């Protein structure tokens, strides 16, 4: 009798693992559909959310629609795919009145901006500090929006060096 109980428990465990794998595969397939940056911002997803963050969210929040939206707005976790993405330019958007609360960003604008000719600073009323990463022939396609409220100047500098394509010196 004891042997039969162990076999049943093992079969139950195997079946549960298969269900989890199917659920993960289903969520990965549905994650292929991507929303635009604007649509993601409207849903409340700003910044660089990794798909693993969405999977963690699903463990704590049982709202499948929210998790599905997260997966439609997230970036792939693979180290190669994240590190190789570069952009042709960027916009640093911030509210001029709120700048006093972000000394790290002020320092970056005053002392480092000239090192990035494809970076434009735009002052938008009531906008939290964010980087809008651009791509396309005329830098008109907004690819990603990243909130930078809590970034240190050196982190902003490092991110810009890694993610913005260097311009050829004329």
C-alpha atoms as a PDB file:
ATOM      1  CA  UNK A   1       0.000   0.000   0.000  1.00  0.00           C
ATOM      2  CA  UNK A   2       2.812   2.423   0.828  1.00  0.00           C
ATOM      3  CA  UNK A   3       4.425   1.825  -2.565  1.00  0.00           C
ATOM      4  CA  UNK A   4       1.183   2.692  -4.351  1.00  0.00           C
ATOM      5  CA  UNK A   5       0.885   5.980  -2.421  1.00  0.00           C
ATOM      6  CA  UNK A   6       4.419   6.924  -3.444  1.00  0.00           C
ATOM      7  CA  UNK A   7       3.686   6.144  -7.106  1.00  0.00           C
ATOM      8  CA  UNK A   8       0.514   8.267  -6.938  1.00  0.00           C
ATOM      9  CA  UNK A   9       2.430  11.142  -5.352  1.00  0.00           C
ATOM     10  CA  UNK A  10       5.135  10.908  -8.022  1.00  0.00           C
ATOM     11  CA  UNK A  11       2.518  10.868 -10.807  1.00  0.00           C
ATOM     12  CA  UNK A  12       0.766  13.870  -9.225  1.00  0.00           C
ATOM     13  CA  UNK A  13       4.072  15.739  -8.977  1.00  0.00           C
ATOM     14  CA  UNK A  14       4.918  14.999 -12.621  1.00  0.00           C
ATOM     15  CA  UNK A  15       1.476  16.139 -13.740  1.00  0.00           C
ATOM     16  CA  UNK A  16       1.791  19.400 -11.771  1.00  0.00           C
ATOM     17  CA  UNK A  17       5.210  20.098 -13.277  1.00  0.00           C
ATOM     18  CA  UNK A  18       3.783  19.567 -16.761  1.00  0.00           C
ATOM     19  CA  UNK A  19       0.921  21.967 -15.988  1.00  0.00           C
ATOM     20  CA  UNK A  20       3.392  24.623 -14.814  1.00  0.00           C
ATOM     21  CA  UNK A  21       5.478  24.158 -17.974  1.00  0.00           C
ATOM     22  CA  UNK A  22       2.382  24.490 -20.173  1.00  0.00           C
ATOM     23  CA  UNK A  23       1.348  27.637 -18.304  1.00  0.00           C
ATOM     24  CA  UNK A  24       4.824  29.143 -18.729  1.00  0.00           C
ATOM     25  CA  UNK A  25       4.858  28.252 -22.430  1.00  0.00           C
ATOM     26  CA  UNK A  26       1.434  29.812 -22.904  1.00  0.00           C
ATOM     27  CA  UNK A  27       2.512  33.033 -21.190  1.00  0.00           C
ATOM     28  CA  UNK A  28       5.695  33.115 -23.284  1.00  0.00           C
ATOM     29  CA  UNK A  29       3.707  32.706 -26.499  1.00  0.00           C
ATOM     30  CA  UNK A  30       1.298  35.467 -25.509  1.00  0.00           C
ATOM     31  CA  UNK A  31       4.296  37.680 -24.657  1.00  0.00           C
ATOM     32  CA  UNK A  32       5.295  37.740 -28.324  1.00  0.00           C
ATOM     33  CA  UNK A  33       2.582  40.336 -28.932  1.00  0.00           C
ATOM     34  CA  UNK A  34       4.159  43.686 -28.082  1.00  0.00           C
ATOM     35  CA  UNK A  35       2.402  46.942 -27.355  1.00  0.00           C
ATOM     36  CA  UNK A  36       3.709  50.361 -28.347  1.00  0.00           C
ATOM     37  CA  UNK A  37       5.582  52.501 -25.824  1.00  0.00           C
ATOM     38  CA  UNK A  38       2.570  54.834 -25.595  1.00  0.00           C
ATOM     39  CA  UNK A  39       0.159  51.964 -24.975  1.00  0.00           C
ATOM     40  CA  UNK A  40       2.460  50.579 -22.270  1.00  0.00           C
ATOM     41  CA  UNK A  41       2.733  53.987 -20.598  1.00  0.00           C
ATOM     42  CA  UNK A  42      -1.065  54.307 -20.662  1.00  0.00           C
ATOM     43  CA  UNK A  43      -1.255  50.948 -18.869  1.00  0.00           C
ATOM     44  CA  UNK A  44       1.251  52.155 -16.258  1.00  0.00           C
ATOM     45  CA  UNK A  45       4.294  50.253 -17.502  1.00  0.00           C
ATOM     46  CA  UNK A  46       7.133  52.727 -17.849  1.00  0.00           C
ATOM     47  CA  UNK A  47      10.814  52.052 -17.745  1.00  0.00           C
ATOM     48  CA  UNK A  48      12.709  48.942 -18.563  1.00  0.00           C
ATOM     49  CA  UNK A  49      10.675  46.001 -17.248  1.00  0.00           C
ATOM     50  CA  UNK A  50      12.213  42.601 -17.817  1.00  0.00           C
ATOM     51  CA  UNK A  51       9.950  39.669 -18.630  1.00  0.00           C
ATOM     52  CA  UNK A  52      11.274  37.870 -15.535  1.00  0.00           C
ATOM     53  CA  UNK A  53       9.786  40.746 -13.499  1.00  0.00           C
ATOM     54  CA  UNK A  54       6.398  39.951 -15.042  1.00  0.00           C
ATOM     55  CA  UNK A  55       6.759  36.289 -14.082  1.00  0.00           C
ATOM     56  CA  UNK A  56       7.595  37.367 -10.517  1.00  0.00           C
ATOM     57  CA  UNK A  57       4.555  39.653 -10.557  1.00  0.00           C
ATOM     58  CA  UNK A  58       2.353  36.704 -11.518  1.00  0.00           C
ATOM     59  CA  UNK A  59       3.390  34.894  -8.325  1.00  0.00           C
ATOM     60  CA  UNK A  60       2.002  37.698  -6.154  1.00  0.00           C
ATOM     61  CA  UNK A  61      -0.812  39.152  -8.250  1.00  0.00           C
ATOM     62  CA  UNK A  62      -3.515  36.826  -9.492  1.00  0.00           C
ATOM     63  CA  UNK A  63      -4.830  39.261 -12.129  1.00  0.00           C
ATOM     64  CA  UNK A  64      -3.970  37.447 -15.372  1.00  0.00           C
ATOM     65  CA  UNK A  65      -4.899  40.468 -17.514  1.00  0.00           C
ATOM     66  CA  UNK A  66      -2.349  42.623 -15.652  1.00  0.00           C
ATOM     67  CA  UNK A  67       0.346  39.955 -16.049  1.00  0.00           C
ATOM     68  CA  UNK A  68      -0.529  39.606 -19.746  1.00  0.00           C
ATOM     69  CA  UNK A  69      -0.198  43.385 -20.256  1.00  0.00           C
ATOM     70  CA  UNK A  70       3.133  43.304 -18.422  1.00  0.00           C
ATOM     71  CA  UNK A  71       4.374  40.565 -20.750  1.00  0.00           C
ATOM     72  CA  UNK A  72       3.334  42.649 -23.765  1.00  0.00           C
ATOM     73  CA  UNK A  73       5.451  45.570 -22.512  1.00  0.00           C
ATOM     74  CA  UNK A  74       8.541  43.795 -21.180  1.00  0.00           C
ATOM     75  CA  UNK A  75      12.032  43.358 -22.585  1.00  0.00           C
ATOM     76  CA  UNK A  76      13.574  39.934 -23.142  1.00  0.00           C
ATOM     77  CA  UNK A  77      15.806  38.833 -20.260  1.00  0.00           C
ATOM     78  CA  UNK A  78      18.580  37.234 -22.263  1.00  0.00           C
ATOM     79  CA  UNK A  79      21.838  38.994 -21.543  1.00  0.00           C
ATOM     80  CA  UNK A  80      22.765  39.127 -25.233  1.00  0.00           C
ATOM     81  CA  UNK A  81      19.507  40.677 -26.408  1.00  0.00           C
ATOM     82  CA  UNK A  82      19.568  43.395 -23.745  1.00  0.00           C
ATOM     83  CA  UNK A  83      23.233  44.318 -24.003  1.00  0.00           C
ATOM     84  CA  UNK A  84      23.268  44.530 -27.825  1.00  0.00           C
ATOM     85  CA  UNK A  85      20.340  46.932 -28.165  1.00  0.00           C
ATOM     86  CA  UNK A  86      21.480  50.424 -29.107  1.00  0.00           C
ATOM     87  CA  UNK A  87      19.627  53.530 -30.164  1.00  0.00           C
ATOM     88  CA  UNK A  88      20.391  56.330 -32.626  1.00  0.00           C
ATOM     89  CA  UNK A  89      19.525  59.063 -30.127  1.00  0.00           C
ATOM     90  CA  UNK A  90      17.624  60.011 -27.010  1.00  0.00           C
ATOM     91  CA  UNK A  91      15.455  62.697 -25.481  1.00  0.00           C
ATOM     92  CA  UNK A  92      15.873  63.557 -21.818  1.00  0.00           C
ATOM     93  CA  UNK A  93      12.441  64.816 -20.841  1.00  0.00           C
ATOM     94  CA  UNK A  94      11.933  66.644 -17.548  1.00  0.00           C
ATOM     95  CA  UNK A  95       9.839  69.396 -15.989  1.00  0.00           C
ATOM     96  CA  UNK A  96      11.930  72.549 -15.501  1.00  0.00           C
ATOM     97  CA  UNK A  97      10.120  73.329 -12.236  1.00  0.00           C
ATOM     98  CA  UNK A  98      10.936  69.888 -10.819  1.00  0.00           C
ATOM     99  CA  UNK A  99      14.632  69.994 -11.767  1.00  0.00           C
ATOM    100  CA  UNK A 100      15.523  71.372  -8.350  1.00  0.00           C
ATOM    101  CA  UNK A 101      14.581  67.961  -6.915  1.00  0.00           C
ATOM    102  CA  UNK A 102      16.964  66.095  -9.259  1.00  0.00           C
ATOM    103  CA  UNK A 103      20.510  67.417  -8.728  1.00  0.00           C
ATOM    104  CA  UNK A 104      22.046  64.335 -10.378  1.00  0.00           C
ATOM    105  CA  UNK A 105      20.126  65.029 -13.587  1.00  0.00           C
ATOM    106  CA  UNK A 106      20.975  68.734 -13.449  1.00  0.00           C
ATOM    107  CA  UNK A 107      24.666  67.812 -13.155  1.00  0.00           C
ATOM    108  CA  UNK A 108      24.390  65.459 -16.113  1.00  0.00           C
ATOM    109  CA  UNK A 109      22.669  68.099 -18.274  1.00  0.00           C
ATOM    110  CA  UNK A 110      25.143  70.837 -17.355  1.00  0.00           C
ATOM    111  CA  UNK A 111      28.376  68.838 -17.544  1.00  0.00           C
ATOM    112  CA  UNK A 112      27.852  65.707 -19.660  1.00  0.00           C
ATOM    113  CA  UNK A 113      25.176  66.497 -22.276  1.00  0.00           C
ATOM    114  CA  UNK A 114      27.697  67.975 -24.723  1.00  0.00           C
ATOM    115  CA  UNK A 115      29.358  64.524 -24.937  1.00  0.00           C
ATOM    116  CA  UNK A 116      26.184  63.143 -26.533  1.00  0.00           C
ATOM    117  CA  UNK A 117      25.306  65.111 -29.687  1.00  0.00           C
ATOM    118  CA  UNK A 118      22.220  62.947 -30.339  1.00  0.00           C
ATOM    119  CA  UNK A 119      20.753  63.697 -26.896  1.00  0.00           C
ATOM    120  CA  UNK A 120      18.111  66.416 -26.783  1.00  0.00           C
ATOM    121  CA  UNK A 121      16.737  67.885 -23.560  1.00  0.00           C
ATOM    122  CA  UNK A 122      13.042  68.712 -23.628  1.00  0.00           C
ATOM    123  CA  UNK A 123      11.296  70.559 -20.840  1.00  0.00           C
ATOM    124  CA  UNK A 124       7.713  69.314 -20.535  1.00  0.00           C
ATOM    125  CA  UNK A 125       5.441  70.659 -17.822  1.00  0.00           C
ATOM    126  CA  UNK A 126       4.867  68.196 -14.975  1.00  0.00           C
ATOM    127  CA  UNK A 127       6.873  65.414 -16.645  1.00  0.00           C
ATOM    128  CA  UNK A 128       8.902  63.120 -14.405  1.00  0.00           C
ATOM    129  CA  UNK A 129      12.524  62.731 -15.551  1.00  0.00           C
ATOM    130  CA  UNK A 130      12.735  60.110 -18.278  1.00  0.00           C
ATOM    131  CA  UNK A 131      14.843  59.025 -21.195  1.00  0.00           C
ATOM    132  CA  UNK A 132      13.030  58.438 -24.454  1.00  0.00           C
ATOM    133  CA  UNK A 133      15.216  56.237 -26.613  1.00  0.00           C
ATOM    134  CA  UNK A 134      14.986  56.950 -30.345  1.00  0.00           C
ATOM    135  CA  UNK A 135      15.629  54.910 -33.425  1.00  0.00           C
ATOM    136  CA  UNK A 136      14.994  55.322 -37.109  1.00  0.00           C
ATOM    137  CA  UNK A 137      16.490  57.350 -39.903  1.00  0.00           C
ATOM    138  CA  UNK A 138      15.414  60.731 -38.561  1.00  0.00           C
ATOM    139  CA  UNK A 139      15.389  59.815 -34.844  1.00  0.00           C
ATOM    140  CA  UNK A 140      11.627  60.057 -35.000  1.00  0.00           C
ATOM    141  CA  UNK A 141      10.671  56.599 -33.784  1.00  0.00           C
ATOM    142  CA  UNK A 142      10.337  56.383 -30.013  1.00  0.00           C
ATOM    143  CA  UNK A 143      11.434  52.889 -29.045  1.00  0.00           C
ATOM    144  CA  UNK A 144      11.583  52.892 -25.270  1.00  0.00           C
ATOM    145  CA  UNK A 145      10.812  55.188 -22.353  1.00  0.00           C
ATOM    146  CA  UNK A 146      12.746  54.832 -19.116  1.00  0.00           C
ATOM    147  CA  UNK A 147      12.018  56.666 -15.881  1.00  0.00           C
ATOM    148  CA  UNK A 148      15.237  58.007 -14.386  1.00  0.00           C
ATOM    149  CA  UNK A 149      13.941  59.698 -11.216  1.00  0.00           C
ATOM    150  CA  UNK A 150      16.367  57.886  -8.917  1.00  0.00           C
ATOM    151  CA  UNK A 151      19.347  57.457 -11.232  1.00  0.00           C
ATOM    152  CA  UNK A 152      22.753  58.734 -10.212  1.00  0.00           C
ATOM    153  CA  UNK A 153      24.667  60.821 -12.702  1.00  0.00           C
ATOM    154  CA  UNK A 154      27.240  58.073 -13.279  1.00  0.00           C
ATOM    155  CA  UNK A 155      24.489  55.533 -14.026  1.00  0.00           C
ATOM    156  CA  UNK A 156      22.949  57.878 -16.575  1.00  0.00           C
ATOM    157  CA  UNK A 157      26.366  58.448 -18.128  1.00  0.00           C
ATOM    158  CA  UNK A 158      27.101  54.705 -18.292  1.00  0.00           C
ATOM    159  CA  UNK A 159      23.680  53.924 -19.783  1.00  0.00           C
ATOM    160  CA  UNK A 160      24.088  56.581 -22.470  1.00  0.00           C
ATOM    161  CA  UNK A 161      27.577  55.303 -23.371  1.00  0.00           C
ATOM    162  CA  UNK A 162      26.289  51.733 -23.694  1.00  0.00           C
ATOM    163  CA  UNK A 163      22.970  52.369 -25.416  1.00  0.00           C
ATOM    164  CA  UNK A 164      23.385  55.350 -27.745  1.00  0.00           C
ATOM    165  CA  UNK A 165      25.253  54.680 -30.977  1.00  0.00           C
ATOM    166  CA  UNK A 166      28.316  56.912 -31.272  1.00  0.00           C
ATOM    167  CA  UNK A 167      28.082  59.446 -34.065  1.00  0.00           C
ATOM    168  CA  UNK A 168      30.821  59.525 -36.646  1.00  0.00           C
ATOM    169  CA  UNK A 169      33.057  62.561 -36.278  1.00  0.00           C
ATOM    170  CA  UNK A 170      32.709  64.868 -39.278  1.00  0.00           C
END
